[in-house]
Protein backbone atom coordinates (compact mmCIF):
# COMPACT_ATOMS: atom_id res chain seq x y z
CA MET A 1 -70.02 9.59 54.99
CA GLU A 2 -68.58 12.14 52.58
CA ASN A 3 -66.87 14.03 55.40
CA LYS A 4 -65.35 10.99 57.10
CA LYS A 5 -61.59 10.94 57.33
CA ALA A 6 -59.28 8.05 56.58
CA SER A 7 -55.64 7.56 57.47
CA ILE A 8 -52.72 5.59 56.12
CA ILE A 9 -49.38 5.21 57.88
CA LYS A 10 -46.17 3.38 57.04
CA GLY A 11 -43.61 2.49 59.68
CA ASP A 12 -41.47 -0.26 61.10
CA ASN A 13 -43.64 -0.96 64.16
CA ARG A 14 -47.03 -2.63 63.72
CA LYS A 15 -48.59 -1.27 66.90
CA ASP A 16 -47.34 2.26 66.33
CA ASN A 17 -48.70 2.28 62.78
CA ILE A 18 -52.18 1.34 63.97
CA LYS A 19 -52.14 3.77 66.87
CA ARG A 20 -51.05 6.64 64.66
CA CYS A 21 -53.78 5.81 62.14
CA ILE A 22 -56.48 5.77 64.79
CA GLU A 23 -55.25 9.00 66.35
CA LEU A 24 -55.56 10.78 63.00
CA ILE A 25 -59.27 9.90 62.72
CA ARG A 26 -60.13 10.04 66.42
CA ASP A 27 -62.56 12.94 65.94
CA ASP A 28 -64.74 10.60 63.86
CA MET A 29 -64.97 8.07 66.71
CA GLU A 30 -67.15 10.12 69.09
CA THR A 31 -69.97 7.56 69.10
CA ILE A 32 -67.75 5.04 70.86
CA LYS A 33 -68.19 7.12 74.03
CA GLN A 34 -71.86 6.11 74.15
CA ALA A 35 -71.20 2.43 73.48
CA MET A 36 -72.13 -0.13 76.12
CA ASN A 37 -70.42 -3.09 74.44
CA ILE A 38 -67.57 -2.90 71.96
CA LEU A 39 -66.67 -5.70 69.55
CA ILE A 40 -63.28 -6.15 67.90
CA LYS A 41 -63.63 -8.63 65.04
CA PRO A 42 -60.21 -10.00 63.96
CA ASN A 43 -59.51 -12.11 60.90
CA LEU A 44 -58.67 -15.66 61.99
CA VAL A 45 -59.16 -17.37 58.69
CA ALA A 46 -56.50 -20.05 58.91
CA LEU A 47 -54.76 -22.49 61.21
CA LYS A 48 -51.68 -21.62 59.19
CA PRO A 49 -49.90 -19.68 57.79
CA ALA A 50 -49.70 -17.26 60.70
CA PHE A 51 -49.57 -14.17 58.48
CA ALA A 52 -53.06 -14.96 57.17
CA ASN A 53 -54.44 -14.10 60.62
CA THR A 54 -54.73 -10.85 62.57
CA HIS A 55 -51.62 -10.54 64.73
CA VAL A 56 -52.28 -10.25 68.46
CA GLU A 57 -50.21 -7.04 68.54
CA ALA A 58 -52.72 -5.44 66.19
CA ILE A 59 -55.49 -6.28 68.67
CA GLU A 60 -53.41 -4.79 71.48
CA ALA A 61 -52.95 -1.55 69.55
CA VAL A 62 -56.69 -1.16 69.00
CA ILE A 63 -57.51 -1.98 72.63
CA GLU A 64 -54.99 0.58 73.87
CA CYS A 65 -56.44 3.25 71.59
CA ILE A 66 -59.96 2.48 72.79
CA ARG A 67 -58.89 2.67 76.42
CA GLU A 68 -57.60 6.20 75.86
CA ILE A 69 -61.15 7.19 74.89
CA VAL A 70 -63.27 4.91 77.10
CA PRO A 71 -61.34 3.44 80.04
CA ASP A 72 -63.91 0.92 81.26
CA THR A 73 -66.36 -0.03 78.50
CA PRO A 74 -66.44 -3.82 78.00
CA ILE A 75 -64.49 -4.96 74.94
CA THR A 76 -65.11 -8.33 73.32
CA VAL A 77 -62.71 -9.90 70.84
CA GLY A 78 -65.00 -12.20 68.88
CA GLU A 79 -64.55 -14.51 65.91
CA SER A 80 -65.69 -17.73 64.31
CA SER A 81 -63.05 -19.47 62.20
CA ALA A 82 -64.26 -21.35 59.15
CA SER A 83 -60.91 -23.06 58.60
CA ALA A 84 -60.99 -24.43 62.13
CA PHE A 85 -64.54 -25.64 61.50
CA TYR A 86 -63.49 -27.53 58.39
CA MET A 87 -60.75 -29.21 60.44
CA GLY A 88 -63.23 -30.17 63.15
CA LEU A 89 -61.73 -27.69 65.63
CA PRO A 90 -63.28 -24.86 67.67
CA THR A 91 -62.29 -21.23 67.16
CA THR A 92 -60.88 -21.33 70.70
CA SER A 93 -58.04 -23.49 69.37
CA VAL A 94 -57.06 -20.67 67.01
CA PHE A 95 -57.26 -18.17 69.90
CA GLU A 96 -54.86 -20.42 71.79
CA ASP A 97 -52.44 -20.93 68.91
CA TYR A 98 -52.07 -17.20 68.25
CA GLY A 99 -51.79 -15.98 71.83
CA TYR A 100 -55.18 -14.30 72.06
CA TYR A 101 -55.93 -15.46 75.61
CA GLU A 102 -53.11 -13.25 76.84
CA LEU A 103 -55.36 -10.29 76.01
CA GLU A 104 -57.73 -11.18 78.86
CA LYS A 105 -54.80 -11.24 81.28
CA LYS A 106 -53.20 -8.06 80.01
CA TYR A 107 -56.22 -5.73 79.79
CA VAL A 108 -59.10 -4.93 82.11
CA ASN A 109 -62.64 -5.75 80.97
CA VAL A 110 -61.50 -7.49 77.78
CA THR A 111 -62.94 -10.92 76.99
CA LEU A 112 -62.72 -13.40 74.15
CA THR A 113 -65.75 -15.09 72.64
CA ASP A 114 -66.48 -17.34 69.72
CA PHE A 115 -69.69 -17.51 67.73
CA ASP A 116 -69.26 -21.18 66.84
CA ASP A 117 -72.38 -22.65 68.37
CA ASP A 118 -74.80 -19.72 68.53
CA LYS A 119 -78.43 -20.75 68.19
CA ASP A 120 -80.20 -17.37 68.00
CA VAL A 121 -79.77 -16.03 64.49
CA ILE A 122 -80.68 -13.34 61.98
CA ASP A 123 -81.49 -14.41 58.42
CA SER A 124 -79.63 -12.76 55.56
CA PRO A 125 -80.83 -13.26 51.97
CA ILE A 126 -78.34 -14.56 49.44
CA HIS A 127 -78.17 -15.61 45.82
CA SER A 128 -76.98 -19.08 44.93
CA VAL A 129 -76.55 -20.97 41.69
CA VAL A 130 -79.68 -22.99 42.51
CA GLY A 131 -81.87 -20.08 43.57
CA ASP A 132 -82.32 -17.46 46.25
CA THR A 133 -82.12 -18.55 49.87
CA HIS A 134 -80.69 -17.24 53.15
CA LEU A 135 -77.83 -17.77 55.55
CA ARG A 136 -77.70 -17.22 59.31
CA ILE A 137 -75.85 -14.53 61.25
CA THR A 138 -75.42 -14.70 65.01
CA LYS A 139 -78.02 -12.54 66.71
CA ARG A 140 -75.34 -11.47 69.16
CA VAL A 141 -74.23 -8.96 66.55
CA GLU A 142 -77.04 -6.77 67.90
CA GLU A 143 -75.50 -6.74 71.39
CA TYR A 144 -72.48 -4.73 70.25
CA ASP A 145 -73.19 -1.06 69.69
CA TYR A 146 -69.69 -0.28 68.39
CA LYS A 147 -68.10 -2.81 66.06
CA ILE A 148 -64.51 -2.71 64.83
CA SER A 149 -63.29 -4.84 61.95
CA LEU A 150 -59.56 -5.50 62.22
CA SER A 151 -58.40 -7.26 59.09
CA ILE A 152 -55.58 -7.77 56.59
CA PRO A 153 -55.50 -6.69 52.92
CA LYS A 154 -55.48 -9.85 50.81
CA THR A 155 -56.33 -11.13 47.38
CA HIS A 156 -59.27 -13.55 47.38
CA ASN A 157 -60.35 -16.72 45.58
CA PHE A 158 -63.94 -15.57 44.93
CA ALA A 159 -64.36 -11.86 45.71
CA VAL A 160 -61.19 -10.47 44.04
CA ALA A 161 -59.89 -9.04 47.34
CA THR A 162 -60.88 -8.89 50.99
CA PHE A 163 -60.52 -6.17 53.62
CA GLY A 164 -62.58 -4.94 56.57
CA ILE A 165 -66.14 -5.27 55.29
CA LYS A 166 -65.89 -8.87 54.15
CA ASN A 167 -64.05 -9.73 57.38
CA MET A 168 -67.38 -9.39 59.20
CA ALA A 169 -68.35 -12.72 57.61
CA GLY A 170 -67.01 -14.23 60.84
CA LEU A 171 -70.38 -13.36 62.38
CA VAL A 172 -72.08 -15.78 59.97
CA LEU A 173 -72.62 -19.27 61.41
CA ARG A 174 -69.65 -21.39 60.44
CA LYS A 175 -71.73 -24.04 58.69
CA ASP A 176 -73.25 -21.28 56.51
CA MET A 177 -70.09 -19.37 55.58
CA ALA A 178 -69.50 -21.31 52.37
CA MET A 179 -72.94 -20.21 51.19
CA ILE A 180 -71.66 -16.63 50.84
CA HIS A 181 -69.83 -17.76 47.71
CA GLY A 182 -73.09 -18.68 45.98
CA MET A 183 -71.96 -22.22 45.19
CA LYS A 184 -74.18 -24.00 47.71
CA GLY A 185 -77.92 -24.40 48.07
CA GLY A 186 -80.14 -23.46 50.97
CA ILE A 187 -80.01 -24.71 54.53
CA GLU A 188 -83.61 -25.93 54.37
CA VAL A 189 -84.07 -29.68 54.04
CA ASP A 190 -85.96 -29.36 50.76
CA ALA A 191 -83.74 -26.63 49.29
CA PRO A 192 -82.05 -27.36 45.94
CA LYS A 193 -78.58 -28.81 46.34
CA THR A 194 -75.34 -28.50 44.39
CA LEU A 195 -72.38 -30.86 44.23
CA LEU A 196 -70.74 -29.02 47.12
CA ASP A 197 -73.82 -29.54 49.30
CA LYS A 198 -73.43 -33.28 48.84
CA LEU A 199 -69.76 -33.38 49.83
CA PRO A 200 -68.72 -33.62 53.49
CA ALA A 201 -68.05 -30.25 55.15
CA GLY A 202 -64.47 -29.12 54.58
CA THR A 203 -63.82 -31.24 51.48
CA VAL A 204 -62.63 -28.28 49.40
CA SER A 205 -60.62 -26.88 52.32
CA LYS A 206 -58.87 -30.22 52.81
CA ALA A 207 -58.15 -30.44 49.09
CA ARG A 208 -56.48 -27.04 49.25
CA ARG A 209 -54.23 -28.38 52.02
CA THR A 210 -53.10 -31.38 49.98
CA LEU A 211 -53.20 -30.35 46.30
CA PRO A 212 -51.05 -27.66 44.66
CA ASN A 213 -52.68 -24.26 44.11
CA TRP A 214 -52.40 -24.46 40.33
CA LEU A 215 -54.38 -27.71 40.29
CA ILE A 216 -57.10 -26.34 42.55
CA ASN A 217 -57.37 -23.24 40.36
CA PHE A 218 -57.51 -25.42 37.24
CA LEU A 219 -60.34 -27.50 38.68
CA PHE A 220 -62.31 -24.40 39.66
CA ARG A 221 -61.84 -23.03 36.17
CA GLN A 222 -63.50 -26.13 34.75
CA TYR A 223 -66.44 -25.95 37.15
CA PRO A 224 -69.40 -24.04 35.59
CA THR A 225 -70.89 -23.41 39.02
CA TYR A 226 -67.81 -21.38 39.97
CA ARG A 227 -68.20 -19.16 36.92
CA LYS A 228 -71.78 -18.44 37.94
CA SER A 229 -71.03 -17.91 41.61
CA VAL A 230 -68.49 -15.11 41.11
CA LYS A 231 -71.38 -12.99 39.83
CA MET A 232 -73.34 -13.61 43.04
CA ILE A 233 -70.86 -13.36 45.90
CA HIS A 234 -70.62 -9.56 45.79
CA HIS A 235 -74.38 -9.18 46.27
CA ASN A 236 -74.23 -11.68 49.12
CA ILE A 237 -71.44 -9.73 50.84
CA VAL A 238 -73.51 -6.55 50.56
CA GLU A 239 -76.48 -8.26 52.22
CA PHE A 240 -74.63 -9.63 55.22
CA ALA A 241 -72.65 -6.38 55.47
CA LYS A 242 -75.91 -4.48 56.03
CA ARG A 243 -76.46 -6.63 59.12
CA THR A 244 -72.87 -6.63 60.44
CA TRP A 245 -71.72 -3.14 59.41
CA PRO A 246 -68.60 -2.06 61.33
CA ASP A 247 -68.33 1.38 62.92
CA LEU A 248 -64.59 1.39 62.37
CA VAL A 249 -62.33 -0.50 59.99
CA VAL A 250 -58.65 -0.92 60.79
CA LEU A 251 -56.51 -2.67 58.19
CA ASP A 252 -53.24 -4.08 59.46
CA GLY A 253 -51.17 -4.15 56.32
CA PHE A 254 -47.87 -4.78 58.06
CA VAL A 255 -47.80 -8.08 56.17
CA CYS A 256 -50.37 -8.54 53.39
CA MET A 257 -51.15 -11.43 51.05
CA GLU A 258 -50.98 -11.69 47.26
CA GLY A 259 -51.68 -14.49 44.81
CA ASP A 260 -53.96 -17.29 45.96
CA GLY A 261 -55.44 -15.61 49.04
CA PRO A 262 -57.07 -15.46 51.46
CA VAL A 263 -55.14 -18.44 52.89
CA ASP A 264 -52.83 -19.95 50.28
CA GLY A 265 -51.17 -16.80 48.97
CA THR A 266 -47.73 -15.32 49.46
CA SER A 267 -46.77 -12.78 52.11
CA VAL A 268 -45.91 -9.22 51.11
CA ASP A 269 -44.10 -6.99 53.60
CA MET A 270 -45.88 -3.61 53.31
CA ARG A 271 -45.57 -2.18 56.88
CA VAL A 272 -48.73 -0.09 56.45
CA ALA A 273 -51.89 0.51 58.49
CA ILE A 274 -55.21 2.07 57.37
CA ALA A 275 -58.20 3.26 59.39
CA SER A 276 -61.55 4.95 58.80
CA THR A 277 -65.04 5.08 60.27
CA ASP A 278 -66.29 4.84 56.68
CA PRO A 279 -65.71 1.14 55.92
CA VAL A 280 -66.01 1.70 52.16
CA LYS A 281 -63.34 4.39 52.29
CA ALA A 282 -61.01 2.18 54.36
CA ASP A 283 -61.47 -0.77 52.03
CA GLY A 284 -61.08 1.46 49.00
CA ILE A 285 -57.69 2.61 50.26
CA GLY A 286 -56.79 -1.00 51.04
CA ALA A 287 -57.70 -1.96 47.47
CA ARG A 288 -55.51 0.76 46.01
CA LEU A 289 -52.65 -0.17 48.36
CA ILE A 290 -52.46 -3.65 46.84
CA GLY A 291 -52.89 -2.47 43.26
CA PHE A 292 -56.63 -2.60 42.56
CA GLU A 293 -59.10 0.14 41.80
CA PRO A 294 -62.11 -0.09 44.12
CA GLU A 295 -64.37 -0.41 41.08
CA GLU A 296 -62.74 -3.77 40.32
CA ILE A 297 -64.23 -5.21 43.51
CA GLY A 298 -67.94 -5.80 43.11
CA TYR A 299 -69.13 -5.38 46.69
CA LEU A 300 -67.30 -2.05 47.03
CA TYR A 301 -68.83 -0.89 43.76
CA TYR A 302 -72.33 -1.86 44.92
CA LEU A 303 -71.92 -0.41 48.42
CA GLN A 304 -70.88 3.00 47.08
CA ASN A 305 -72.94 3.31 43.92
CA GLU A 306 -76.13 1.39 44.67
CA GLU A 307 -76.45 1.20 48.46
CA LYS A 308 -74.86 4.62 49.16
CA MET A 309 -73.34 3.22 52.37
CA GLY A 310 -69.99 4.93 51.98
CA THR A 311 -67.51 6.31 49.51
CA TYR A 312 -64.13 5.14 48.30
CA SER A 313 -63.14 8.66 47.26
CA LEU A 314 -59.73 9.87 48.34
CA ASP A 315 -61.06 13.01 50.00
CA ASN A 316 -59.88 13.62 53.58
CA VAL A 317 -57.15 10.97 53.53
CA LEU A 318 -54.49 11.81 56.11
CA GLY A 319 -51.03 10.50 56.81
CA ASP A 320 -48.59 9.15 54.26
CA ASN A 321 -48.77 9.23 50.48
CA LEU A 322 -50.80 6.31 49.15
CA ASN A 323 -49.35 6.73 45.66
CA VAL A 324 -45.87 6.14 47.07
CA LEU A 325 -46.90 3.15 49.19
CA LYS A 326 -49.11 1.19 46.80
CA LYS A 327 -47.87 -1.87 44.97
CA ARG A 328 -49.45 -4.04 42.30
CA PHE A 329 -50.06 -7.42 43.92
CA ILE A 330 -50.10 -10.68 42.01
CA ARG A 331 -53.75 -11.51 41.35
CA HIS A 332 -55.41 -14.75 42.33
CA GLY A 333 -55.01 -17.53 39.76
CA THR A 334 -58.69 -17.21 38.83
CA TYR A 335 -58.82 -13.41 38.79
CA ASP A 336 -59.94 -13.26 35.17
CA ILE A 337 -62.99 -15.38 35.98
CA GLN A 338 -63.71 -13.48 39.20
CA SER A 339 -63.74 -10.25 37.21
CA GLN A 340 -66.81 -11.47 35.36
CA TRP A 341 -68.98 -10.16 38.22
CA LYS A 342 -69.09 -7.00 36.11
CA GLU A 343 -71.21 -8.79 33.53
CA ALA A 344 -73.88 -9.29 36.19
CA ALA A 345 -73.63 -5.62 37.16
CA VAL A 346 -74.22 -4.53 33.56
CA SER A 347 -77.07 -6.98 32.92
CA GLY A 348 -78.64 -6.17 36.29
């Protein structure tokens, strides 16, 4: 991974930014030529606001770049939206709302799929406040031999910030996604349960839709389970990342999110794109773009320093000057509590 390139481009056209980024690192994408099935995993985290989701033009840019390398290899755009799940809706409704079905009409051998109701699964171990357990990842992840994570740089309400690696959580079964945070018990009938396990699915999500952000943040601050869980989520991300690892990360930072992300934050017009076949490097650049050091984000720290799965060094970064482009984003309202993951890293 040390020799992998990364690219960062600023411009006034979303598609051009992404295409230029990918072109700069194209030499690192040779393995896509041997792929039999390619997955593009967007970030469809919300029914609204629109800017919280991967724009369809970003998908188009990636597809067009792929087609310049492999004209006929099947491409699947696949996702499973937790927010839709909490509203009792299928991911297909989000595809419809954001114009994704036009992709099947516009491009040859491109199909959409959702992972909403997959039955064949892979277990991924996780930590929770009531003990170690596991969550379930769709086994279809193994069918794709080249996976692309296409996400948006955002602040986050548990993991400090989210980029391409965490975006692959969309391959986790929707009913298990909340377990990544560490605040829920196991899926087994006799597994220990927390308060959140006993509430109807989507209760917290619905509360976020009706209550002001400051009140939600205040309530989480008072909840001891939340303080414990922020020390666990980064380990849980690392575990599912090992099973969903993308071959390429593209970050569409044309519009990013600050404050109470990944859904309830404020838009920031950055007009930037980032790409790398080293996901840790891509996410590390994304972190710096929005004003964090990669070491502030637990899963990036663990992936580089403990798992040795990549590097967030700034070696071999091509394109525009990151130091000119970066901006300090407003942190999430519970950032000070989220930062306590470092205590677990020291004690561990």
